[in-house]
Amino acid sequence: MKNKVEIIQINISGEDKPGLTSSLTHILAQYDAFILDIGQANIHSSLTMGILIKTTADKSGFIMKDLLFKASELGVMIRFTPVAEDKYDAWVKRQGRNRYIVTLLGRKVTAQNIASVTQAIYEEGLNIDSIRRLTGRMPLNEDDRAQKSCIELSVRGNLEDRGLLQKKLMNMSGSRLDISLQKDDIYRRSRRLICFDMDSTLIETEVIDELAKRAGVGEKVAEITERAMRGEIDFCESFTERVALLKGLDVSVMEDIARNLPITEGLERLMTILKRVGYKTAILSGGFTYFGNYLKQRFGFDYVYANELEVEDGKLTGRYVGEVVDGRRKAELLRLLCQFENIDIAQSVAVGDGANDLPMLNLAGLGIAFHAKPKVKATAEQSISTIGLDGILYFLGLKDSRIE
């Protein structure tokens, strides 16, 4: 008579010790048990492990007995739970459901943050498969302003209204917490190109405002800039007006401004790691090529597309050369760069803060509104407002312990 198949879930918990997994799986191997699933998590020095096995009735008793003896010897707790075949089959069928990644990012991620996000996930009928910390271990006495905390949730299920969950999570985001919801598909795991706005994204200023101050028209230009970034007036029209006000400014001023640009927190770390893992990087800016090329030389960007100021006799003429890099042009350049790099548009990332960045944010596989204007943040699916540019690394799924 054929032995009955038995499915057993084995749960182990206790102090983590070298050789524990080897000892337990060696026993399973002795009895030719088939491992259907296995997973392990470690917090501090504690271990939790789950092993799902298939065996036969004549061997299951011996397996459990030997595992109990070994667990006692190792000083860990072990528990056995039989799993009915129909329940196992139902579990296997659920593997086809969509998987999503929810990322919580901030200087600190609190229990209340996690409770609110997981409640929203539960309300939409999704189940959490795994939780992992992407940032390094947090010291007890570190200054809050220097901290970064990121937790990633892998969730699964049939999400009927992704927009509704996206809205719930974005409503929880604010000055202390950023939340990202991404579909966990092949494209999320193979991003290859990241395009950045420059002014108020890579640098903490609008260069045209700095030029205007030197030209004595700072207030006039700043007012036009703010209206344009809020989306109240057309970018090309505002750009032409602002550049005209710079007429007569000596070009030597640009070099001085470039040397003193306020670089956004996290840019150097972000670029170092992106280059290390093979990303192509581009600046797509409504600002000026002079400053984009300065950043390219300093940080190693691969491409720069921005606006060229016309110069005669060492002074700005108040005009520009070529086509204005506005929102439409940024999206067009993003698409062209993807074609040139031979990648799918879904493998691209776009980062920006202003209304003229929205076309490329909406086109890219992952669009991130970075410390953005309210209108932009309300429209974008992902945003970062709590930490520096290196927060993008966590939205890409990179883990501190693997990249430092």
Protein backbone atom coordinates (compact mmCIF):
# COMPACT_ATOMS: atom_id res chain seq x y z
CA MET A 1 0.00 0.00 0.00
CA LYS A 2 1.33 3.39 -1.04
CA ASN A 3 2.35 5.65 1.83
CA LYS A 4 0.15 8.68 2.35
CA VAL A 5 1.73 12.04 1.49
CA GLU A 6 2.00 14.46 4.40
CA ILE A 7 2.73 18.19 4.26
CA ILE A 8 4.22 19.67 7.43
CA GLN A 9 5.07 23.25 8.27
CA ILE A 10 8.06 23.54 10.59
CA ASN A 11 8.59 26.77 12.55
CA ILE A 12 11.84 27.41 14.42
CA SER A 13 12.58 30.38 16.68
CA GLY A 14 15.32 31.31 19.11
CA GLU A 15 18.86 32.59 19.29
CA ASP A 16 20.61 32.67 15.93
CA LYS A 17 23.61 30.34 15.80
CA PRO A 18 26.06 29.34 13.06
CA GLY A 19 25.22 25.98 11.52
CA LEU A 20 21.58 25.90 12.65
CA THR A 21 20.10 25.71 9.14
CA SER A 22 22.66 23.11 8.10
CA SER A 23 21.86 20.89 11.10
CA LEU A 24 18.10 20.95 10.53
CA THR A 25 18.15 20.47 6.77
CA HIS A 26 20.67 17.62 7.14
CA ILE A 27 18.00 15.70 9.09
CA LEU A 28 15.42 16.41 6.37
CA ALA A 29 17.90 15.13 3.77
CA GLN A 30 18.39 11.87 5.69
CA TYR A 31 14.69 11.08 5.24
CA ASP A 32 14.47 12.39 1.64
CA ALA A 33 11.97 15.08 2.67
CA PHE A 34 11.10 17.48 -0.15
CA ILE A 35 11.32 21.17 0.79
CA LEU A 36 8.34 23.01 -0.71
CA ASP A 37 9.22 26.42 0.77
CA ILE A 38 11.78 27.91 3.15
CA GLY A 39 12.30 31.34 4.64
CA GLN A 40 14.28 32.99 7.43
CA ALA A 41 14.33 36.37 9.17
CA ASN A 42 16.76 37.74 11.75
CA ILE A 43 16.16 40.61 14.16
CA HIS A 44 19.07 41.52 16.45
CA SER A 45 20.35 38.05 17.49
CA SER A 46 17.00 36.27 17.20
CA LEU A 47 16.02 33.97 14.38
CA THR A 48 12.66 32.93 12.98
CA MET A 49 12.61 30.24 10.30
CA GLY A 50 9.87 28.45 8.44
CA ILE A 51 10.25 25.26 6.39
CA LEU A 52 7.40 23.61 4.51
CA ILE A 53 8.10 19.96 3.65
CA LYS A 54 6.46 17.07 1.83
CA THR A 55 7.12 13.59 3.17
CA THR A 56 5.29 10.30 3.73
CA ALA A 57 3.43 8.96 6.78
CA ASP A 58 6.05 6.29 7.48
CA LYS A 59 8.83 8.93 7.77
CA SER A 60 7.10 11.96 9.28
CA GLY A 61 7.27 10.69 12.88
CA PHE A 62 11.01 10.00 12.66
CA ILE A 63 11.63 13.42 11.09
CA MET A 64 9.78 15.26 13.86
CA LYS A 65 11.47 13.20 16.58
CA ASP A 66 14.99 13.88 15.25
CA LEU A 67 14.23 17.55 14.71
CA LEU A 68 12.94 17.87 18.29
CA PHE A 69 16.16 16.37 19.66
CA LYS A 70 18.30 18.64 17.49
CA ALA A 71 16.28 21.73 18.46
CA SER A 72 16.73 20.89 22.14
CA GLU A 73 20.45 20.47 21.58
CA LEU A 74 20.63 23.86 19.80
CA GLY A 75 18.47 25.64 22.37
CA VAL A 76 15.72 26.74 19.96
CA MET A 77 11.96 26.27 19.90
CA ILE A 78 10.40 24.12 17.18
CA ARG A 79 6.76 23.63 16.24
CA PHE A 80 5.08 21.35 13.69
CA THR A 81 1.79 22.06 11.89
CA PRO A 82 0.18 19.64 9.43
CA VAL A 83 -1.13 21.25 6.23
CA ALA A 84 -4.01 19.71 4.30
CA GLU A 85 -3.36 19.15 0.58
CA ASP A 86 -6.34 21.26 -0.49
CA LYS A 87 -5.07 24.19 1.62
CA TYR A 88 -1.62 23.80 0.12
CA ASP A 89 -3.09 23.76 -3.41
CA ALA A 90 -5.09 26.92 -2.65
CA TRP A 91 -1.91 28.60 -1.36
CA VAL A 92 -0.04 27.67 -4.56
CA LYS A 93 -2.79 29.16 -6.72
CA ARG A 94 -2.53 32.45 -4.84
CA GLN A 95 1.09 32.77 -6.00
CA GLY A 96 -0.20 34.09 -9.30
CA ARG A 97 -1.65 37.17 -7.70
CA ASN A 98 -0.04 40.54 -8.25
CA ARG A 99 2.73 41.56 -5.91
CA TYR A 100 3.37 45.14 -4.81
CA ILE A 101 6.14 46.85 -2.89
CA VAL A 102 5.25 49.45 -0.26
CA THR A 103 8.21 51.53 0.96
CA LEU A 104 8.12 53.65 4.13
CA LEU A 105 10.87 56.26 4.25
CA GLY A 106 11.81 59.06 6.64
CA ARG A 107 14.22 60.21 9.32
CA LYS A 108 12.27 57.84 11.56
CA VAL A 109 9.55 55.28 10.84
CA THR A 110 7.32 54.97 13.89
CA ALA A 111 4.98 52.24 15.10
CA GLN A 112 2.07 54.56 14.27
CA ASN A 113 3.35 54.94 10.70
CA ILE A 114 3.54 51.17 10.27
CA ALA A 115 0.12 50.65 11.88
CA SER A 116 -1.55 53.17 9.55
CA VAL A 117 0.06 51.81 6.39
CA THR A 118 -0.61 48.16 7.20
CA GLN A 119 -4.23 49.00 8.05
CA ALA A 120 -4.65 50.55 4.59
CA ILE A 121 -3.09 47.45 3.02
CA TYR A 122 -5.47 45.21 4.97
CA GLU A 123 -8.50 47.30 3.97
CA GLU A 124 -7.66 46.76 0.29
CA GLY A 125 -7.55 42.97 0.76
CA LEU A 126 -3.79 42.56 0.39
CA ASN A 127 -1.59 40.30 2.47
CA ILE A 128 1.94 41.09 3.65
CA ASP A 129 4.42 38.41 2.55
CA SER A 130 7.59 39.89 4.00
CA ILE A 131 9.00 42.95 5.76
CA ARG A 132 12.63 44.07 5.56
CA ARG A 133 14.67 47.05 6.67
CA LEU A 134 16.66 48.70 3.87
CA THR A 135 18.57 51.22 5.95
CA GLY A 136 21.41 50.32 8.30
CA ARG A 137 20.90 49.57 11.98
CA MET A 138 19.93 52.69 13.89
CA PRO A 139 22.14 53.86 16.78
CA LEU A 140 20.30 55.04 19.88
CA ASN A 141 22.03 58.39 20.19
CA GLU A 142 22.25 59.63 16.59
CA ASP A 143 20.95 63.11 15.76
CA ASP A 144 17.48 62.83 14.21
CA ARG A 145 18.53 65.13 11.38
CA ALA A 146 21.23 62.68 10.29
CA GLN A 147 19.08 59.55 10.50
CA LYS A 148 17.48 57.64 7.66
CA SER A 149 14.96 54.89 8.21
CA CYS A 150 13.37 52.77 5.51
CA ILE A 151 11.14 49.70 5.73
CA GLU A 152 9.96 47.75 2.69
CA LEU A 153 6.79 45.64 2.69
CA SER A 154 6.17 43.00 0.04
CA VAL A 155 2.41 42.54 -0.34
CA ARG A 156 0.33 40.28 -2.53
CA GLY A 157 -3.24 40.13 -3.74
CA ASN A 158 -5.72 41.24 -6.37
CA LEU A 159 -5.85 45.01 -5.98
CA GLU A 160 -9.12 46.16 -7.50
CA ASP A 161 -8.41 49.90 -7.27
CA ARG A 162 -4.72 50.72 -7.13
CA GLY A 163 -5.52 54.42 -7.35
CA LEU A 164 -7.51 54.25 -4.13
CA LEU A 165 -4.67 52.65 -2.17
CA GLN A 166 -2.20 55.08 -3.78
CA LYS A 167 -4.34 57.98 -2.61
CA LYS A 168 -4.62 56.60 0.93
CA LEU A 169 -0.85 56.20 1.16
CA MET A 170 -0.11 59.62 -0.34
CA ASN A 171 -2.50 61.19 2.20
CA MET A 172 -0.37 59.62 4.96
CA SER A 173 2.79 61.08 3.46
CA GLY A 174 4.02 64.40 4.75
CA SER A 175 6.97 66.18 6.26
CA ARG A 176 7.87 63.13 8.39
CA LEU A 177 7.08 60.14 6.17
CA ASP A 178 7.26 59.24 2.48
CA ILE A 179 5.41 56.21 1.13
CA SER A 180 5.90 54.53 -2.23
CA LEU A 181 3.60 51.96 -3.86
CA GLN A 182 5.07 50.10 -6.84
CA LYS A 183 4.06 47.02 -8.73
CA ASP A 184 6.76 44.39 -8.18
CA ASP A 185 7.37 43.37 -11.76
CA ILE A 186 10.39 42.72 -13.95
CA TYR A 187 10.80 46.42 -14.75
CA ARG A 188 11.06 47.49 -11.13
CA ARG A 189 13.98 45.13 -10.73
CA SER A 190 15.77 46.33 -13.88
CA ARG A 191 15.74 50.14 -13.87
CA ARG A 192 18.59 51.43 -16.05
CA LEU A 193 18.19 55.19 -16.61
CA ILE A 194 17.51 58.04 -14.17
CA CYS A 195 16.74 61.56 -15.41
CA PHE A 196 16.88 64.54 -13.05
CA ASP A 197 15.63 68.06 -13.10
CA MET A 198 18.46 70.35 -11.95
CA ASP A 199 17.23 73.50 -10.22
CA SER A 200 15.69 72.84 -6.77
CA THR A 201 16.35 69.13 -7.31
CA LEU A 202 20.07 68.51 -7.76
CA ILE A 203 20.84 71.95 -6.34
CA GLU A 204 18.97 73.86 -3.65
CA THR A 205 18.37 76.96 -5.72
CA GLU A 206 17.05 78.22 -9.05
CA VAL A 207 20.12 79.31 -11.04
CA ILE A 208 18.17 81.90 -12.99
CA ASP A 209 17.31 83.55 -9.68
CA GLU A 210 21.01 83.65 -8.76
CA LEU A 211 21.84 85.24 -12.11
CA ALA A 212 19.02 87.72 -11.67
CA LYS A 213 20.33 88.83 -8.29
CA ARG A 214 23.69 89.63 -9.88
CA ALA A 215 21.88 91.53 -12.64
CA GLY A 216 19.86 93.53 -10.10
CA VAL A 217 16.50 92.07 -11.20
CA GLY A 218 16.19 89.36 -8.54
CA GLU A 219 12.71 90.14 -7.28
CA LYS A 220 11.20 90.40 -10.77
CA VAL A 221 12.66 87.07 -11.92
CA ALA A 222 11.90 85.23 -8.67
CA GLU A 223 8.24 86.21 -8.93
CA ILE A 224 8.01 84.91 -12.51
CA THR A 225 9.88 81.70 -11.54
CA GLU A 226 7.49 80.91 -8.70
CA ARG A 227 4.44 81.43 -10.89
CA ALA A 228 5.91 79.15 -13.55
CA MET A 229 6.86 76.37 -11.10
CA ARG A 230 3.36 76.47 -9.62
CA GLY A 231 1.98 75.99 -13.12
CA GLU A 232 0.22 79.36 -13.20
CA ILE A 233 1.89 80.56 -16.43
CA ASP A 234 3.39 78.81 -19.46
CA PHE A 235 7.02 77.80 -18.93
CA CYS A 236 8.29 78.95 -22.35
CA GLU A 237 6.68 82.35 -21.97
CA SER A 238 8.05 82.80 -18.47
CA PHE A 239 11.49 81.57 -19.55
CA THR A 240 11.69 84.14 -22.36
CA GLU A 241 10.65 86.93 -19.98
CA ARG A 242 13.23 85.97 -17.36
CA VAL A 243 16.13 85.53 -19.78
CA ALA A 244 15.41 88.96 -21.30
CA LEU A 245 15.90 90.52 -17.87
CA LEU A 246 19.48 89.15 -17.75
CA LYS A 247 20.64 91.24 -20.71
CA GLY A 248 24.08 92.77 -20.16
CA LEU A 249 25.24 90.45 -17.36
CA ASP A 250 28.93 89.49 -17.61
CA VAL A 251 29.47 85.76 -18.25
CA SER A 252 32.19 85.59 -15.58
CA VAL A 253 29.39 85.70 -13.03
CA MET A 254 28.29 82.21 -14.10
CA GLU A 255 31.59 80.65 -13.07
CA ASP A 256 31.38 82.18 -9.61
CA ILE A 257 27.79 80.98 -9.16
CA ALA A 258 28.70 77.45 -10.35
CA ARG A 259 31.54 77.14 -7.82
CA ASN A 260 29.14 78.03 -5.00
CA LEU A 261 26.07 76.05 -5.96
CA PRO A 262 24.29 74.60 -2.88
CA ILE A 263 24.29 70.85 -3.62
CA THR A 264 21.24 68.91 -2.43
CA GLU A 265 21.72 66.48 0.45
CA GLY A 266 22.53 62.95 -0.67
CA LEU A 267 23.54 63.74 -4.28
CA GLU A 268 27.14 62.59 -4.00
CA ARG A 269 26.18 59.29 -2.33
CA LEU A 270 23.39 58.72 -4.82
CA MET A 271 25.60 59.26 -7.86
CA THR A 272 28.43 57.12 -6.46
CA ILE A 273 26.11 54.16 -5.98
CA LEU A 274 24.17 54.61 -9.23
CA LYS A 275 27.42 54.54 -11.20
CA ARG A 276 28.64 51.54 -9.22
CA VAL A 277 25.58 49.49 -10.13
CA GLY A 278 25.52 50.57 -13.78
CA TYR A 279 22.76 53.17 -14.10
CA LYS A 280 22.88 55.81 -16.82
CA THR A 281 22.12 59.31 -15.50
CA ALA A 282 20.88 62.45 -17.22
CA ILE A 283 20.11 66.06 -16.38
CA LEU A 284 17.01 67.32 -18.21
CA SER A 285 16.72 70.91 -17.11
CA GLY A 286 14.82 74.06 -17.86
CA GLY A 287 17.93 75.78 -16.50
CA PHE A 288 21.19 76.34 -18.33
CA THR A 289 23.79 74.04 -19.91
CA TYR A 290 26.71 75.88 -18.25
CA PHE A 291 25.59 74.74 -14.80
CA GLY A 292 24.44 71.31 -15.98
CA ASN A 293 27.90 70.68 -17.46
CA TYR A 294 29.49 71.79 -14.19
CA LEU A 295 27.47 69.14 -12.33
CA LYS A 296 28.23 66.59 -15.05
CA GLN A 297 31.96 67.12 -14.59
CA ARG A 298 31.76 67.08 -10.79
CA PHE A 299 29.42 64.10 -10.28
CA GLY A 300 29.73 62.09 -13.50
CA PHE A 301 26.34 62.47 -15.18
CA ASP A 302 26.19 60.81 -18.59
CA TYR A 303 23.93 63.32 -20.36
CA VAL A 304 23.00 66.98 -20.00
CA TYR A 305 20.16 68.69 -21.87
CA ALA A 306 19.34 72.25 -20.86
CA ASN A 307 19.02 75.76 -22.33
CA GLU A 308 21.90 77.67 -23.94
CA LEU A 309 22.23 81.37 -23.16
CA GLU A 310 23.34 83.58 -26.06
CA VAL A 311 26.56 85.48 -25.40
CA GLU A 312 28.09 88.41 -27.32
CA ASP A 313 31.29 90.22 -26.34
CA GLY A 314 31.39 88.39 -23.00
CA LYS A 315 27.90 89.44 -21.95
CA LEU A 316 24.45 87.85 -22.00
CA THR A 317 22.24 89.20 -24.78
CA GLY A 318 18.94 88.44 -23.04
CA ARG A 319 18.22 85.72 -25.58
CA TYR A 320 18.71 81.94 -25.75
CA VAL A 321 19.85 79.60 -28.51
CA GLY A 322 17.78 76.65 -29.78
CA GLU A 323 14.61 75.03 -28.46
CA VAL A 324 13.48 75.66 -24.89
CA VAL A 325 13.69 72.59 -22.65
CA ASP A 326 10.19 72.76 -21.21
CA GLY A 327 7.97 70.01 -19.82
CA ARG A 328 7.08 68.63 -23.25
CA ARG A 329 10.72 68.60 -24.32
CA LYS A 330 11.83 66.85 -21.11
CA ALA A 331 9.40 63.99 -21.77
CA GLU A 332 10.56 63.82 -25.39
CA LEU A 333 14.22 63.66 -24.30
CA LEU A 334 13.42 60.93 -21.78
CA ARG A 335 11.84 58.83 -24.53
CA LEU A 336 14.78 59.46 -26.88
CA LEU A 337 17.33 58.49 -24.22
CA CYS A 338 15.47 55.22 -23.61
CA GLN A 339 15.60 54.49 -27.34
CA PHE A 340 19.32 55.36 -27.49
CA GLU A 341 20.10 53.16 -24.47
CA ASN A 342 17.87 50.42 -25.92
CA ILE A 343 15.70 50.11 -22.82
CA ASP A 344 11.95 50.04 -22.23
CA ILE A 345 10.46 53.30 -20.94
CA ALA A 346 9.30 51.30 -17.90
CA GLN A 347 12.99 50.89 -16.95
CA SER A 348 13.42 54.66 -16.56
CA VAL A 349 13.18 56.90 -13.49
CA ALA A 350 12.46 60.63 -13.52
CA VAL A 351 12.99 63.01 -10.59
CA GLY A 352 11.85 66.63 -10.35
CA ASP A 353 10.09 69.26 -8.29
CA GLY A 354 8.21 71.62 -10.62
CA ALA A 355 5.14 71.66 -12.84
CA ASN A 356 7.35 71.43 -15.95
CA ASP A 357 8.65 68.08 -14.64
CA LEU A 358 5.23 66.42 -14.57
CA PRO A 359 5.27 65.19 -18.20
CA MET A 360 8.49 63.21 -17.63
CA LEU A 361 7.40 62.07 -14.15
CA ASN A 362 4.19 60.66 -15.63
CA LEU A 363 6.00 59.05 -18.59
CA ALA A 364 8.81 57.31 -16.68
CA GLY A 365 8.45 53.85 -15.21
CA LEU A 366 9.03 55.47 -11.80
CA GLY A 367 8.35 59.19 -11.42
CA ILE A 368 9.42 60.80 -8.13
CA ALA A 369 8.37 64.28 -7.03
CA PHE A 370 11.34 65.46 -4.95
CA HIS A 371 10.62 68.10 -2.26
CA ALA A 372 8.07 69.24 -4.79
CA LYS A 373 5.59 72.05 -5.12
CA PRO A 374 2.10 71.08 -3.76
CA LYS A 375 0.54 70.76 -7.23
CA VAL A 376 3.33 68.45 -8.39
CA LYS A 377 3.26 66.28 -5.27
CA ALA A 378 -0.53 65.95 -5.54
CA THR A 379 -0.23 64.72 -9.13
CA ALA A 380 2.81 62.43 -8.91
CA GLU A 381 2.43 58.81 -7.79
CA GLN A 382 5.65 58.81 -5.73
CA SER A 383 7.29 61.56 -3.71
CA ILE A 384 10.23 62.17 -1.39
CA SER A 385 9.99 65.09 1.03
CA THR A 386 11.65 63.84 4.21
CA ILE A 387 15.30 63.15 3.33
CA GLY A 388 17.86 63.84 0.59
CA LEU A 389 18.31 62.53 -2.92
CA ASP A 390 19.84 59.26 -1.74
CA GLY A 391 16.33 58.30 -0.60
CA ILE A 392 15.81 57.34 -4.25
CA LEU A 393 18.07 54.33 -3.65
CA TYR A 394 15.49 52.81 -1.31
CA PHE A 395 12.65 53.32 -3.80
CA LEU A 396 14.85 51.29 -6.16
CA GLY A 397 15.00 48.52 -3.54
CA LEU A 398 18.69 48.90 -2.73
CA LYS A 399 19.77 47.94 0.79
CA ASP A 400 22.45 49.78 2.79
CA SER A 401 24.25 46.63 3.87
CA ARG A 402 24.71 45.59 0.23
CA ILE A 403 25.75 48.89 -1.31
CA GLU A 404 28.03 50.54 1.23
